[in-house]
Amino acid sequence: MKFRVYLEQDEDGMFVATCPALPGCISQGRTRDEGRENIREAITGYLKSLRKHGEPVPAKTV
């Protein structure tokens, strides 16, 4: 599945990644690459939790 992700640098220089299709799914990293990798892990965990609890998984949004 593919989800749109937004990556922004904050005032401390960290890269903050969010996935609007998955409310509350946020991660960060010291570099862009680390931020992207961390949000991939966060999305995977988020989807596992939805499935575990019988919640609907949102349609992919690219």
C-alpha atoms as a PDB file:
ATOM      1  CA  MET A   1       0.000   0.000   0.000  1.00  0.00           C
ATOM      2  CA  LYS A   2       1.118   3.534  -0.647  1.00  0.00           C
ATOM      3  CA  PHE A   3       0.244   6.540   1.483  1.00  0.00           C
ATOM      4  CA  ARG A   4       1.051  10.192   0.976  1.00  0.00           C
ATOM      5  CA  VAL A   5       3.632  11.382   3.484  1.00  0.00           C
ATOM      6  CA  TYR A   6       4.644  14.948   4.298  1.00  0.00           C
ATOM      7  CA  LEU A   7       8.188  15.646   5.455  1.00  0.00           C
ATOM      8  CA  GLU A   8       9.085  18.995   7.016  1.00  0.00           C
ATOM      9  CA  GLN A   9      12.142  20.245   8.833  1.00  0.00           C
ATOM     10  CA  ASP A  10      11.324  21.704  12.249  1.00  0.00           C
ATOM     11  CA  GLU A  11      13.041  24.561  14.079  1.00  0.00           C
ATOM     12  CA  ASP A  12      15.508  22.125  15.709  1.00  0.00           C
ATOM     13  CA  GLY A  13      16.591  20.690  12.351  1.00  0.00           C
ATOM     14  CA  MET A  14      14.715  17.395  12.761  1.00  0.00           C
ATOM     15  CA  PHE A  15      12.702  16.059   9.830  1.00  0.00           C
ATOM     16  CA  VAL A  16       9.111  15.424  10.916  1.00  0.00           C
ATOM     17  CA  ALA A  17       7.071  13.003   8.807  1.00  0.00           C
ATOM     18  CA  THR A  18       3.286  12.729   8.914  1.00  0.00           C
ATOM     19  CA  CYS A  19       0.769  10.542   7.114  1.00  0.00           C
ATOM     20  CA  PRO A  20      -2.562  12.430   6.862  1.00  0.00           C
ATOM     21  CA  ALA A  21      -4.542   9.296   5.901  1.00  0.00           C
ATOM     22  CA  LEU A  22      -3.584   7.748   9.259  1.00  0.00           C
ATOM     23  CA  PRO A  23      -4.462  10.241  12.026  1.00  0.00           C
ATOM     24  CA  GLY A  24      -1.727  10.489  14.623  1.00  0.00           C
ATOM     25  CA  CYS A  25       0.824   8.594  12.520  1.00  0.00           C
ATOM     26  CA  ILE A  26       3.877  10.807  12.969  1.00  0.00           C
ATOM     27  CA  SER A  27       7.604  10.135  13.113  1.00  0.00           C
ATOM     28  CA  GLN A  28      10.870  11.998  12.768  1.00  0.00           C
ATOM     29  CA  GLY A  29      14.547  11.614  11.946  1.00  0.00           C
ATOM     30  CA  ARG A  30      17.806  13.520  11.946  1.00  0.00           C
ATOM     31  CA  THR A  31      17.970  13.307   8.117  1.00  0.00           C
ATOM     32  CA  ARG A  32      15.367  13.139   5.353  1.00  0.00           C
ATOM     33  CA  ASP A  33      16.223   9.488   4.749  1.00  0.00           C
ATOM     34  CA  GLU A  34      15.910   8.643   8.433  1.00  0.00           C
ATOM     35  CA  GLY A  35      12.569  10.479   8.611  1.00  0.00           C
ATOM     36  CA  ARG A  36      11.269   8.526   5.600  1.00  0.00           C
ATOM     37  CA  GLU A  37      12.425   5.196   7.014  1.00  0.00           C
ATOM     38  CA  ASN A  38      10.929   5.954  10.423  1.00  0.00           C
ATOM     39  CA  ILE A  39       7.534   6.912   8.985  1.00  0.00           C
ATOM     40  CA  ARG A  40       7.511   3.659   6.965  1.00  0.00           C
ATOM     41  CA  GLU A  41       7.966   1.763  10.237  1.00  0.00           C
ATOM     42  CA  ALA A  42       5.271   3.876  11.919  1.00  0.00           C
ATOM     43  CA  ILE A  43       2.820   3.207   9.066  1.00  0.00           C
ATOM     44  CA  THR A  44       3.521  -0.539   9.238  1.00  0.00           C
ATOM     45  CA  GLY A  45       2.855  -0.566  12.984  1.00  0.00           C
ATOM     46  CA  TYR A  46      -0.267   1.560  12.597  1.00  0.00           C
ATOM     47  CA  LEU A  47      -1.720  -0.815   9.981  1.00  0.00           C
ATOM     48  CA  LYS A  48      -0.877  -3.879  12.104  1.00  0.00           C
ATOM     49  CA  SER A  49      -2.719  -2.317  15.032  1.00  0.00           C
ATOM     50  CA  LEU A  50      -5.786  -1.552  12.901  1.00  0.00           C
ATOM     51  CA  ARG A  51      -5.919  -5.142  11.658  1.00  0.00           C
ATOM     52  CA  LYS A  52      -5.364  -6.567  15.150  1.00  0.00           C
ATOM     53  CA  HIS A  53      -8.295  -4.570  16.526  1.00  0.00           C
ATOM     54  CA  GLY A  54     -10.593  -5.274  13.567  1.00  0.00           C
ATOM     55  CA  GLU A  55     -10.605  -1.658  12.434  1.00  0.00           C
ATOM     56  CA  PRO A  56     -10.908  -0.761   8.744  1.00  0.00           C
ATOM     57  CA  VAL A  57      -7.683  -0.033   6.891  1.00  0.00           C
ATOM     58  CA  PRO A  58      -7.911   3.202   4.886  1.00  0.00           C
ATOM     59  CA  ALA A  59      -7.646   2.974   1.114  1.00  0.00           C
ATOM     60  CA  LYS A  60      -4.220   3.890  -0.155  1.00  0.00           C
ATOM     61  CA  THR A  61      -3.663   7.540  -0.941  1.00  0.00           C
ATOM     62  CA  VAL A  62      -0.804   8.560  -3.129  1.00  0.00           C
END
